[in-house]
C-alpha atoms as a PDB file:
ATOM      1  CA  MET A   1      15.241   7.194 -21.261  1.00  0.00           C
ATOM      2  CA  ILE A   2      16.769   6.928 -17.790  1.00  0.00           C
ATOM      3  CA  PRO A   3      19.534   4.352 -18.135  1.00  0.00           C
ATOM      4  CA  PHE A   4      19.468   1.576 -15.524  1.00  0.00           C
ATOM      5  CA  ARG A   5      16.270   3.002 -14.019  1.00  0.00           C
ATOM      6  CA  LYS A   6      15.287  -0.213 -12.201  1.00  0.00           C
ATOM      7  CA  GLN A   7      18.767  -0.641 -10.749  1.00  0.00           C
ATOM      8  CA  LYS A   8      18.957   3.018  -9.735  1.00  0.00           C
ATOM      9  CA  PHE A   9      15.587   2.813  -8.006  1.00  0.00           C
ATOM     10  CA  GLN A  10      16.427  -0.300  -5.991  1.00  0.00           C
ATOM     11  CA  ASN A  11      19.920   0.836  -5.084  1.00  0.00           C
ATOM     12  CA  ALA A  12      18.758   4.334  -4.102  1.00  0.00           C
ATOM     13  CA  VAL A  13      16.201   2.858  -1.685  1.00  0.00           C
ATOM     14  CA  ALA A  14      18.784   0.411  -0.324  1.00  0.00           C
ATOM     15  CA  TYR A  15      21.377   3.158   0.055  1.00  0.00           C
ATOM     16  CA  PHE A  16      18.994   5.518   1.832  1.00  0.00           C
ATOM     17  CA  ALA A  17      17.942   2.727   4.232  1.00  0.00           C
ATOM     18  CA  PHE A  18      21.535   1.559   4.796  1.00  0.00           C
ATOM     19  CA  GLU A  19      22.899   5.044   5.440  1.00  0.00           C
ATOM     20  CA  PHE A  20      19.931   6.083   7.570  1.00  0.00           C
ATOM     21  CA  ASN A  21      20.533   3.080   9.827  1.00  0.00           C
ATOM     22  CA  ARG A  22      24.285   3.720   9.942  1.00  0.00           C
ATOM     23  CA  ARG A  23      23.758   7.348  10.934  1.00  0.00           C
ATOM     24  CA  LYS A  24      20.686   7.059  13.194  1.00  0.00           C
ATOM     25  CA  GLY A  25      20.966   3.513  14.581  1.00  0.00           C
ATOM     26  CA  TYR A  26      17.619   2.236  13.265  1.00  0.00           C
ATOM     27  CA  TYR A  27      15.995   1.586   9.897  1.00  0.00           C
ATOM     28  CA  PRO A  28      13.726   4.266   8.429  1.00  0.00           C
ATOM     29  CA  ARG A  29       9.982   4.076   8.242  1.00  0.00           C
ATOM     30  CA  GLN A  30       8.553   4.034   4.724  1.00  0.00           C
ATOM     31  CA  THR A  31       7.686   7.738   4.863  1.00  0.00           C
ATOM     32  CA  TRP A  32      11.348   8.709   5.152  1.00  0.00           C
ATOM     33  CA  ILE A  33      12.184   6.686   2.048  1.00  0.00           C
ATOM     34  CA  TYR A  34       9.282   8.097   0.025  1.00  0.00           C
ATOM     35  CA  LYS A  35      10.364  11.662   0.777  1.00  0.00           C
ATOM     36  CA  PHE A  36      14.047  10.911   0.128  1.00  0.00           C
ATOM     37  CA  LEU A  37      13.159   9.493  -3.306  1.00  0.00           C
ATOM     38  CA  ALA A  38      10.980  12.506  -4.140  1.00  0.00           C
ATOM     39  CA  LEU A  39      13.683  14.944  -3.064  1.00  0.00           C
ATOM     40  CA  LEU A  40      16.233  13.047  -5.149  1.00  0.00           C
ATOM     41  CA  ASP A  41      14.025  13.091  -8.257  1.00  0.00           C
ATOM     42  CA  PHE A  42      12.886  16.699  -7.926  1.00  0.00           C
ATOM     43  CA  ARG A  43      16.280  18.126  -6.962  1.00  0.00           C
ATOM     44  CA  SER A  44      17.815  16.318  -9.910  1.00  0.00           C
ATOM     45  CA  LEU A  45      15.035  17.676 -12.125  1.00  0.00           C
ATOM     46  CA  LYS A  46      15.716  21.256 -11.045  1.00  0.00           C
ATOM     47  CA  LYS A  47      19.467  20.839 -11.413  1.00  0.00           C
ATOM     48  CA  THR A  48      19.620  19.004 -14.746  1.00  0.00           C
ATOM     49  CA  GLY A  49      16.131  18.989 -16.266  1.00  0.00           C
ATOM     50  CA  VAL A  50      15.782  15.200 -15.775  1.00  0.00           C
ATOM     51  CA  PRO A  51      14.731  13.314 -12.622  1.00  0.00           C
ATOM     52  CA  CYS A  52      17.325  10.886 -11.287  1.00  0.00           C
ATOM     53  CA  ILE A  53      14.969   7.890 -11.277  1.00  0.00           C
ATOM     54  CA  GLY A  54      11.736   9.265 -12.740  1.00  0.00           C
ATOM     55  CA  LEU A  55       9.244   7.647 -10.384  1.00  0.00           C
ATOM     56  CA  GLU A  56       5.584   8.604 -10.637  1.00  0.00           C
ATOM     57  CA  TYR A  57       4.353  10.349  -7.497  1.00  0.00           C
ATOM     58  CA  ASP A  58       0.995  11.114  -5.968  1.00  0.00           C
ATOM     59  CA  ALA A  59       0.491  14.141  -3.750  1.00  0.00           C
ATOM     60  CA  MET A  60      -0.898  12.920  -0.437  1.00  0.00           C
ATOM     61  CA  LYS A  61      -1.455  14.752   2.841  1.00  0.00           C
ATOM     62  CA  PHE A  62       2.015  13.990   4.177  1.00  0.00           C
ATOM     63  CA  GLY A  63       3.809  14.738   0.935  1.00  0.00           C
ATOM     64  CA  PRO A  64       4.846  13.090  -2.309  1.00  0.00           C
ATOM     65  CA  VAL A  65       4.566   9.305  -2.454  1.00  0.00           C
ATOM     66  CA  PRO A  66       5.828   7.029  -5.269  1.00  0.00           C
ATOM     67  CA  TYR A  67       2.383   5.558  -5.713  1.00  0.00           C
ATOM     68  CA  ARG A  68       3.212   2.138  -7.162  1.00  0.00           C
ATOM     69  CA  LEU A  69       5.668   1.459  -4.360  1.00  0.00           C
ATOM     70  CA  TYR A  70       3.194   2.715  -1.759  1.00  0.00           C
ATOM     71  CA  ASP A  71       0.160   0.862  -3.107  1.00  0.00           C
ATOM     72  CA  PHE A  72       1.883  -2.498  -3.551  1.00  0.00           C
ATOM     73  CA  ARG A  73       4.568  -2.401  -0.832  1.00  0.00           C
ATOM     74  CA  SER A  74       3.230  -5.454   0.996  1.00  0.00           C
ATOM     75  CA  CYS A  75       3.322  -7.726  -2.063  1.00  0.00           C
ATOM     76  CA  LEU A  76       6.254  -6.450  -4.142  1.00  0.00           C
ATOM     77  CA  ARG A  77       9.639  -8.161  -3.820  1.00  0.00           C
ATOM     78  CA  PHE A  78      12.946  -6.472  -4.556  1.00  0.00           C
ATOM     79  CA  GLU A  79      16.523  -7.681  -4.774  1.00  0.00           C
ATOM     80  CA  LYS A  80      18.020  -4.739  -2.880  1.00  0.00           C
ATOM     81  CA  PHE A  81      15.528  -3.875  -0.132  1.00  0.00           C
ATOM     82  CA  LYS A  82      12.478  -5.125   1.735  1.00  0.00           C
ATOM     83  CA  PHE A  83       9.538  -3.713   3.628  1.00  0.00           C
ATOM     84  CA  ILE A  84       9.133  -5.020   7.163  1.00  0.00           C
ATOM     85  CA  GLU A  85       5.717  -4.591   8.774  1.00  0.00           C
ATOM     86  CA  THR A  86       5.952  -3.043  12.231  1.00  0.00           C
ATOM     87  CA  ALA A  87       3.829  -3.750  15.306  1.00  0.00           C
ATOM     88  CA  ASP A  88       1.818  -0.551  14.754  1.00  0.00           C
ATOM     89  CA  GLY A  89       0.819  -1.570  11.198  1.00  0.00           C
ATOM     90  CA  GLY A  90       3.392   0.620   9.469  1.00  0.00           C
ATOM     91  CA  TYR A  91       6.467  -0.416   7.531  1.00  0.00           C
ATOM     92  CA  ARG A  92      10.186   0.101   7.851  1.00  0.00           C
ATOM     93  CA  VAL A  93      12.643  -0.349   5.002  1.00  0.00           C
ATOM     94  CA  GLU A  94      15.773  -2.498   5.260  1.00  0.00           C
ATOM     95  CA  PRO A  95      18.465  -3.026   2.632  1.00  0.00           C
ATOM     96  CA  VAL A  96      19.226  -6.504   1.334  1.00  0.00           C
ATOM     97  CA  GLY A  97      22.945  -6.791   0.736  1.00  0.00           C
ATOM     98  CA  LYS A  98      25.170  -3.840  -0.035  1.00  0.00           C
ATOM     99  CA  PRO A  99      23.847  -1.027  -2.266  1.00  0.00           C
ATOM    100  CA  ASN A 100      25.685  -0.559  -5.559  1.00  0.00           C
ATOM    101  CA  LEU A 101      26.267   3.100  -6.401  1.00  0.00           C
ATOM    102  CA  ASP A 102      27.984   2.342  -9.724  1.00  0.00           C
ATOM    103  CA  TYR A 103      24.671   3.049 -11.489  1.00  0.00           C
ATOM    104  CA  PHE A 104      24.743   6.703 -10.383  1.00  0.00           C
ATOM    105  CA  ALA A 105      26.637   9.701 -11.690  1.00  0.00           C
ATOM    106  CA  ASP A 106      28.779  11.565  -9.161  1.00  0.00           C
ATOM    107  CA  ASP A 107      26.308  14.459  -8.970  1.00  0.00           C
ATOM    108  CA  GLU A 108      23.456  12.024  -8.215  1.00  0.00           C
ATOM    109  CA  ILE A 109      25.470  10.486  -5.381  1.00  0.00           C
ATOM    110  CA  ASP A 110      26.154  14.014  -4.139  1.00  0.00           C
ATOM    111  CA  LEU A 111      22.396  14.694  -4.117  1.00  0.00           C
ATOM    112  CA  MET A 112      21.727  11.536  -2.090  1.00  0.00           C
ATOM    113  CA  GLU A 113      24.447  12.525   0.380  1.00  0.00           C
ATOM    114  CA  GLU A 114      23.044  16.054   0.599  1.00  0.00           C
ATOM    115  CA  ILE A 115      19.579  14.707   1.453  1.00  0.00           C
ATOM    116  CA  LEU A 116      20.972  12.311   4.057  1.00  0.00           C
ATOM    117  CA  ASP A 117      23.152  15.033   5.598  1.00  0.00           C
ATOM    118  CA  GLU A 118      20.131  17.330   5.933  1.00  0.00           C
ATOM    119  CA  TYR A 119      17.698  14.795   7.344  1.00  0.00           C
ATOM    120  CA  THR A 120      19.694  12.396   9.524  1.00  0.00           C
ATOM    121  CA  ARG A 121      20.901  15.054  11.947  1.00  0.00           C
ATOM    122  CA  ASP A 122      19.802  14.614  15.552  1.00  0.00           C
ATOM    123  CA  ASP A 123      17.857  17.887  15.512  1.00  0.00           C
ATOM    124  CA  VAL A 124      15.710  16.857  12.501  1.00  0.00           C
ATOM    125  CA  ASN A 125      12.656  14.614  12.675  1.00  0.00           C
ATOM    126  CA  LEU A 126      10.103  13.214  10.243  1.00  0.00           C
ATOM    127  CA  ASP A 127       7.807  16.238  10.667  1.00  0.00           C
ATOM    128  CA  ASP A 128      10.677  18.485   9.543  1.00  0.00           C
ATOM    129  CA  LEU A 129      11.253  16.316   6.473  1.00  0.00           C
ATOM    130  CA  ILE A 130       7.554  16.379   5.557  1.00  0.00           C
ATOM    131  CA  ALA A 131       7.274  20.156   6.033  1.00  0.00           C
ATOM    132  CA  ASN A 132      10.425  20.854   4.034  1.00  0.00           C
ATOM    133  CA  ALA A 133       9.404  18.529   1.190  1.00  0.00           C
ATOM    134  CA  HIS A 134       6.088  20.407   1.018  1.00  0.00           C
ATOM    135  CA  LYS A 135       7.895  23.740   0.777  1.00  0.00           C
ATOM    136  CA  GLU A 136      10.500  22.579  -1.702  1.00  0.00           C
ATOM    137  CA  ILE A 137       8.478  20.586  -4.232  1.00  0.00           C
ATOM    138  CA  LYS A 138       6.159  22.862  -6.212  1.00  0.00           C
ATOM    139  CA  ALA A 139       4.593  19.924  -8.052  1.00  0.00           C
ATOM    140  CA  TRP A 140       3.331  18.525  -4.730  1.00  0.00           C
ATOM    141  CA  ASN A 141       1.722  21.856  -3.828  1.00  0.00           C
ATOM    142  CA  LYS A 142      -0.044  22.160  -7.179  1.00  0.00           C
ATOM    143  CA  ALA A 143      -1.343  18.581  -7.105  1.00  0.00           C
ATOM    144  CA  TRP A 144      -2.339  18.735  -3.434  1.00  0.00           C
ATOM    145  CA  ASP A 145      -4.279  21.980  -4.004  1.00  0.00           C
ATOM    146  CA  ILE A 146      -6.306  20.177  -6.685  1.00  0.00           C
ATOM    147  CA  ALA A 147      -6.839  17.148  -4.425  1.00  0.00           C
ATOM    148  CA  VAL A 148      -8.129  19.366  -1.613  1.00  0.00           C
ATOM    149  CA  LYS A 149     -10.324  21.386  -3.980  1.00  0.00           C
ATOM    150  CA  TYR A 150     -12.054  18.227  -5.212  1.00  0.00           C
ATOM    151  CA  GLY A 151     -12.082  16.388  -1.872  1.00  0.00           C
ATOM    152  CA  ARG A 152      -9.635  13.683  -2.926  1.00  0.00           C
ATOM    153  CA  GLY A 153      -7.033  12.034  -0.721  1.00  0.00           C
ATOM    154  CA  ARG A 154      -4.405  12.003  -3.440  1.00  0.00           C
ATOM    155  CA  MET A 155      -3.627  13.432  -6.856  1.00  0.00           C
ATOM    156  CA  PRO A 156      -0.963  12.533  -9.450  1.00  0.00           C
ATOM    157  CA  MET A 157       1.979  14.938  -9.538  1.00  0.00           C
ATOM    158  CA  ARG A 158       3.483  16.224 -12.778  1.00  0.00           C
ATOM    159  CA  TYR A 159       7.182  16.949 -13.199  1.00  0.00           C
ATOM    160  CA  GLU A 160       6.425  19.895 -15.490  1.00  0.00           C
ATOM    161  CA  ASP A 161       4.694  21.667 -12.589  1.00  0.00           C
ATOM    162  CA  GLU A 162       8.107  22.143 -10.998  1.00  0.00           C
ATOM    163  CA  PHE A 163       8.886  24.778 -13.633  1.00  0.00           C
ATOM    164  CA  ASP A 164       7.144  28.172 -13.735  1.00  0.00           C
ATOM    165  CA  ASP A 165       4.898  28.813 -16.748  1.00  0.00           C
ATOM    166  CA  LEU A 166       6.755  26.308 -18.897  1.00  0.00           C
ATOM    167  CA  SER A 167       3.978  26.090 -21.491  1.00  0.00           C
ATOM    168  CA  LYS A 168       3.940  29.870 -21.942  1.00  0.00           C
ATOM    169  CA  LYS A 169       7.655  30.280 -22.647  1.00  0.00           C
ATOM    170  CA  SER A 170       9.085  30.663 -26.108  1.00  0.00           C
ATOM    171  CA  GLU A 171      12.088  28.574 -27.116  1.00  0.00           C
ATOM    172  CA  ASN A 172      14.388  31.552 -26.463  1.00  0.00           C
ATOM    173  CA  GLU A 173      13.063  32.006 -22.914  1.00  0.00           C
ATOM    174  CA  LEU A 174      13.725  28.437 -21.770  1.00  0.00           C
ATOM    175  CA  THR A 175      16.519  27.737 -19.322  1.00  0.00           C
ATOM    176  CA  PRO A 176      18.875  24.864 -20.215  1.00  0.00           C
ATOM    177  CA  GLU A 177      17.176  22.751 -17.521  1.00  0.00           C
ATOM    178  CA  GLU A 178      13.716  23.473 -18.945  1.00  0.00           C
ATOM    179  CA  GLU A 179      14.895  22.678 -22.457  1.00  0.00           C
ATOM    180  CA  HIS A 180      16.450  19.421 -21.276  1.00  0.00           C
ATOM    181  CA  PHE A 181      13.224  18.529 -19.470  1.00  0.00           C
ATOM    182  CA  LEU A 182      11.120  19.116 -22.589  1.00  0.00           C
ATOM    183  CA  VAL A 183      13.362  16.775 -24.577  1.00  0.00           C
ATOM    184  CA  TYR A 184      13.122  14.167 -21.786  1.00  0.00           C
ATOM    185  CA  LYS A 185       9.321  14.548 -21.605  1.00  0.00           C
ATOM    186  CA  GLY A 186       8.940  14.285 -25.373  1.00  0.00           C
ATOM    187  CA  MET A 187      10.953  11.070 -25.446  1.00  0.00           C
ATOM    188  CA  LYS A 188       9.016   9.676 -22.484  1.00  0.00           C
ATOM    189  CA  ASP A 189       5.648  10.516 -24.056  1.00  0.00           C
ATOM    190  CA  ARG A 190       6.751   8.941 -27.335  1.00  0.00           C
ATOM    191  CA  GLU A 191       7.864   5.754 -25.553  1.00  0.00           C
ATOM    192  CA  GLU A 192       4.546   5.542 -23.656  1.00  0.00           C
ATOM    193  CA  ALA A 193       2.590   6.024 -26.895  1.00  0.00           C
ATOM    194  CA  LYS A 194       4.480   3.089 -28.431  1.00  0.00           C
ATOM    195  CA  THR A 195       3.540   0.782 -25.560  1.00  0.00           C
ATOM    196  CA  ILE A 196      -0.147   1.703 -25.913  1.00  0.00           C
ATOM    197  CA  SER A 197      -0.329   1.075 -29.662  1.00  0.00           C
END
């Protein structure tokens, strides 16, 4: 459904870490990377109807988190990046080798550059990134509201929540992005059903 998804994921993380270090002079903490990935997926979703990578995110207090990466970061191994535990018990992300952007369309590279340009400026810090991701990503707000309501520390996010009243729209009322998303979601659901049966 998303061609070269694994390669895009690893190279996006590596590229964000590489460029962050080049621009700021140090490697990013994991939280920066999680938010960059979410912004990339959700901005791509709004622009085209399909997320760039299609990671599954949980809404947590400090924003969207790709939950599999977060939950297993200390034991997963990747070709293009690595997590380094820091003295305070956190993690920073470092690229391994040079990122390969050949897996990305030009508009996806533009989105990554846009995110880096916004959030590697000297006058922007991690709190700004977290606050802006909260404002920008509707799906985080909807999932986090449910998590808070039921006293949970996290809640799965749904890509469809990024669109307003999608289930109530007739075929004629759908935007091209919404229509594209519904095709993507239908194919994804069908593929998941095959793996279960």
